[in-house]
Amino acid sequence: MTKKQKVVFTVVAVVIVLGIILSYVENACVHGIESKSSPGWIFVRIGRQEEGLEIEIEDTGSGMTEAKLAKLQNNMRNASIEMLKGGGRVGIINACVRLKMVTENRAEFCVEGNSRQEMGYSAVG
């Protein structure tokens, strides 16, 4: 007699802006993994959270100082069109602005680091 397995899952229709996840993954590659001499990993996690969707991008890259971490967190939370006009490295800022626009400014951003030099972005909208 064969044993049957049953997998139950629920699909919830959620719209994810084209290229948003790619922007964060690309940033993790360029600013995290590429600067390492050893192999690195990038993890992408997406899940429902209350009334929104949480998108988490984590890398095992070379990390950054607390000051850079705080500046990035501030820039992501306060991302605006004006910041994009300033030029320079604006990839993440552009993704944050786009996410804010499609979520009617309900997107929240969190950047974390730890002693193992891992970085993670989390956006909830």
C-alpha atoms as a PDB file:
ATOM      1  CA  MET A   1       0.000   0.000   0.000  1.00  0.00           C
ATOM      2  CA  THR A   2       1.390   3.388  -0.979  1.00  0.00           C
ATOM      3  CA  LYS A   3       1.311   6.281   1.379  1.00  0.00           C
ATOM      4  CA  LYS A   4      -0.234   9.493   0.001  1.00  0.00           C
ATOM      5  CA  GLN A   5       1.061  12.885   0.907  1.00  0.00           C
ATOM      6  CA  LYS A   6      -1.033  15.987   0.790  1.00  0.00           C
ATOM      7  CA  VAL A   7       0.324  19.474   0.468  1.00  0.00           C
ATOM      8  CA  VAL A   8      -2.016  22.321   1.235  1.00  0.00           C
ATOM      9  CA  PHE A   9      -1.203  25.887   0.317  1.00  0.00           C
ATOM     10  CA  THR A  10      -3.024  29.138  -0.165  1.00  0.00           C
ATOM     11  CA  VAL A  11      -2.276  31.548  -2.952  1.00  0.00           C
ATOM     12  CA  VAL A  12      -2.966  35.177  -2.230  1.00  0.00           C
ATOM     13  CA  ALA A  13      -2.993  37.624  -5.122  1.00  0.00           C
ATOM     14  CA  VAL A  14      -0.354  40.252  -4.487  1.00  0.00           C
ATOM     15  CA  VAL A  15       1.104  42.699  -6.936  1.00  0.00           C
ATOM     16  CA  ILE A  16       4.862  43.116  -6.727  1.00  0.00           C
ATOM     17  CA  VAL A  17       6.246  46.043  -8.692  1.00  0.00           C
ATOM     18  CA  LEU A  18       8.340  44.901 -11.628  1.00  0.00           C
ATOM     19  CA  GLY A  19      12.031  45.089 -10.837  1.00  0.00           C
ATOM     20  CA  ILE A  20      11.696  46.019  -7.161  1.00  0.00           C
ATOM     21  CA  ILE A  21      13.112  42.762  -5.821  1.00  0.00           C
ATOM     22  CA  LEU A  22      15.767  42.741  -8.537  1.00  0.00           C
ATOM     23  CA  SER A  23      16.979  46.197  -7.458  1.00  0.00           C
ATOM     24  CA  TYR A  24      17.608  45.036  -3.893  1.00  0.00           C
ATOM     25  CA  VAL A  25      19.235  41.771  -4.994  1.00  0.00           C
ATOM     26  CA  GLU A  26      21.484  43.630  -7.430  1.00  0.00           C
ATOM     27  CA  ASN A  27      22.519  45.991  -4.641  1.00  0.00           C
ATOM     28  CA  ALA A  28      23.349  43.022  -2.399  1.00  0.00           C
ATOM     29  CA  CYS A  29      25.501  41.564  -5.198  1.00  0.00           C
ATOM     30  CA  VAL A  30      27.378  44.752  -6.043  1.00  0.00           C
ATOM     31  CA  HIS A  31      27.875  46.183  -2.552  1.00  0.00           C
ATOM     32  CA  GLY A  32      27.939  42.993  -0.515  1.00  0.00           C
ATOM     33  CA  ILE A  33      29.026  39.841  -2.277  1.00  0.00           C
ATOM     34  CA  GLU A  34      31.371  41.206  -4.984  1.00  0.00           C
ATOM     35  CA  SER A  35      33.732  42.732  -2.414  1.00  0.00           C
ATOM     36  CA  LYS A  36      34.296  39.365  -0.689  1.00  0.00           C
ATOM     37  CA  SER A  37      37.143  37.028  -1.512  1.00  0.00           C
ATOM     38  CA  SER A  38      35.129  34.023  -0.337  1.00  0.00           C
ATOM     39  CA  PRO A  39      31.752  32.744  -1.578  1.00  0.00           C
ATOM     40  CA  GLY A  40      28.629  34.544  -0.439  1.00  0.00           C
ATOM     41  CA  TRP A  41      24.901  33.974  -0.343  1.00  0.00           C
ATOM     42  CA  ILE A  42      21.852  36.089  -1.025  1.00  0.00           C
ATOM     43  CA  PHE A  43      18.532  35.043   0.459  1.00  0.00           C
ATOM     44  CA  VAL A  44      15.171  36.347  -0.739  1.00  0.00           C
ATOM     45  CA  ARG A  45      12.155  35.827   1.494  1.00  0.00           C
ATOM     46  CA  ILE A  46       8.651  37.029   0.698  1.00  0.00           C
ATOM     47  CA  GLY A  47       5.659  36.553   2.950  1.00  0.00           C
ATOM     48  CA  ARG A  48       2.377  38.000   4.109  1.00  0.00           C
ATOM     49  CA  GLN A  49       2.428  40.120   7.214  1.00  0.00           C
ATOM     50  CA  GLU A  50      -0.911  41.293   8.586  1.00  0.00           C
ATOM     51  CA  GLU A  51      -2.234  43.666   5.910  1.00  0.00           C
ATOM     52  CA  GLY A  52       0.921  43.796   3.846  1.00  0.00           C
ATOM     53  CA  LEU A  53       3.725  41.902   2.274  1.00  0.00           C
ATOM     54  CA  GLU A  54       7.214  41.576   3.694  1.00  0.00           C
ATOM     55  CA  ILE A  55      10.097  41.317   1.269  1.00  0.00           C
ATOM     56  CA  GLU A  56      13.422  40.490   2.872  1.00  0.00           C
ATOM     57  CA  ILE A  57      16.758  40.449   1.068  1.00  0.00           C
ATOM     58  CA  GLU A  58      19.713  39.175   3.091  1.00  0.00           C
ATOM     59  CA  ASP A  59      23.312  38.770   2.033  1.00  0.00           C
ATOM     60  CA  THR A  60      26.421  37.366   3.659  1.00  0.00           C
ATOM     61  CA  GLY A  61      28.559  40.111   2.180  1.00  0.00           C
ATOM     62  CA  SER A  62      31.352  42.168   3.623  1.00  0.00           C
ATOM     63  CA  GLY A  63      29.038  44.329   5.728  1.00  0.00           C
ATOM     64  CA  MET A  64      29.302  48.033   6.521  1.00  0.00           C
ATOM     65  CA  THR A  65      30.056  50.311   9.420  1.00  0.00           C
ATOM     66  CA  GLU A  66      27.352  51.384  11.862  1.00  0.00           C
ATOM     67  CA  ALA A  67      27.554  54.921  10.433  1.00  0.00           C
ATOM     68  CA  LYS A  68      26.953  53.709   6.860  1.00  0.00           C
ATOM     69  CA  LEU A  69      24.181  51.444   8.101  1.00  0.00           C
ATOM     70  CA  ALA A  70      22.453  54.372   9.850  1.00  0.00           C
ATOM     71  CA  LYS A  71      22.849  56.596   6.759  1.00  0.00           C
ATOM     72  CA  LEU A  72      21.399  53.919   4.474  1.00  0.00           C
ATOM     73  CA  GLN A  73      18.473  53.371   6.851  1.00  0.00           C
ATOM     74  CA  ASN A  74      17.769  57.104   6.923  1.00  0.00           C
ATOM     75  CA  ASN A  75      18.041  57.436   3.134  1.00  0.00           C
ATOM     76  CA  MET A  76      15.684  54.499   2.557  1.00  0.00           C
ATOM     77  CA  ARG A  77      13.084  55.811   5.011  1.00  0.00           C
ATOM     78  CA  ASN A  78      13.258  59.327   3.584  1.00  0.00           C
ATOM     79  CA  ALA A  79      13.696  58.384  -0.081  1.00  0.00           C
ATOM     80  CA  SER A  80      12.294  61.028  -2.416  1.00  0.00           C
ATOM     81  CA  ILE A  81      12.427  62.287  -5.985  1.00  0.00           C
ATOM     82  CA  GLU A  82      14.666  65.128  -4.776  1.00  0.00           C
ATOM     83  CA  MET A  83      17.249  62.607  -3.554  1.00  0.00           C
ATOM     84  CA  LEU A  84      17.268  60.989  -7.002  1.00  0.00           C
ATOM     85  CA  LYS A  85      17.977  64.344  -8.649  1.00  0.00           C
ATOM     86  CA  GLY A  86      21.165  64.608  -6.589  1.00  0.00           C
ATOM     87  CA  GLY A  87      22.746  61.825  -8.642  1.00  0.00           C
ATOM     88  CA  GLY A  88      25.350  59.426  -7.394  1.00  0.00           C
ATOM     89  CA  ARG A  89      24.416  55.941  -6.230  1.00  0.00           C
ATOM     90  CA  VAL A  90      20.643  56.025  -6.326  1.00  0.00           C
ATOM     91  CA  GLY A  91      19.642  52.419  -7.140  1.00  0.00           C
ATOM     92  CA  ILE A  92      18.213  51.612  -3.716  1.00  0.00           C
ATOM     93  CA  ILE A  93      16.718  55.088  -3.337  1.00  0.00           C
ATOM     94  CA  ASN A  94      14.959  54.655  -6.689  1.00  0.00           C
ATOM     95  CA  ALA A  95      13.541  51.294  -5.565  1.00  0.00           C
ATOM     96  CA  CYS A  96      12.363  52.837  -2.284  1.00  0.00           C
ATOM     97  CA  VAL A  97      10.688  55.760  -4.053  1.00  0.00           C
ATOM     98  CA  ARG A  98       8.920  53.385  -6.441  1.00  0.00           C
ATOM     99  CA  LEU A  99       7.767  51.187  -3.574  1.00  0.00           C
ATOM    100  CA  LYS A 100       6.495  54.200  -1.646  1.00  0.00           C
ATOM    101  CA  MET A 101       4.582  55.390  -4.713  1.00  0.00           C
ATOM    102  CA  VAL A 102       2.772  52.102  -5.347  1.00  0.00           C
ATOM    103  CA  THR A 103       1.937  51.598  -1.664  1.00  0.00           C
ATOM    104  CA  GLU A 104       0.703  55.166  -1.221  1.00  0.00           C
ATOM    105  CA  ASN A 105       3.600  55.866   1.152  1.00  0.00           C
ATOM    106  CA  ARG A 106       2.805  52.880   3.392  1.00  0.00           C
ATOM    107  CA  ALA A 107       6.083  51.068   2.690  1.00  0.00           C
ATOM    108  CA  GLU A 108       8.418  50.738   5.653  1.00  0.00           C
ATOM    109  CA  PHE A 109      12.127  49.987   5.365  1.00  0.00           C
ATOM    110  CA  CYS A 110      14.500  48.353   7.777  1.00  0.00           C
ATOM    111  CA  VAL A 111      18.211  47.723   7.280  1.00  0.00           C
ATOM    112  CA  GLU A 112      20.014  45.463   9.710  1.00  0.00           C
ATOM    113  CA  GLY A 113      23.530  44.154  10.156  1.00  0.00           C
ATOM    114  CA  ASN A 114      25.130  41.816  12.665  1.00  0.00           C
ATOM    115  CA  SER A 115      28.498  40.613  13.883  1.00  0.00           C
ATOM    116  CA  ARG A 116      28.762  38.080  11.043  1.00  0.00           C
ATOM    117  CA  GLN A 117      28.717  40.973   8.556  1.00  0.00           C
ATOM    118  CA  GLU A 118      25.350  39.996   7.118  1.00  0.00           C
ATOM    119  CA  MET A 119      23.077  42.654   5.730  1.00  0.00           C
ATOM    120  CA  GLY A 120      19.357  42.497   5.330  1.00  0.00           C
ATOM    121  CA  TYR A 121      16.762  44.775   3.824  1.00  0.00           C
ATOM    122  CA  SER A 122      13.159  44.450   4.748  1.00  0.00           C
ATOM    123  CA  ALA A 123      10.353  46.350   3.080  1.00  0.00           C
ATOM    124  CA  VAL A 124       6.780  46.081   4.245  1.00  0.00           C
ATOM    125  CA  GLY A 125       3.964  47.670   2.314  1.00  0.00           C
END
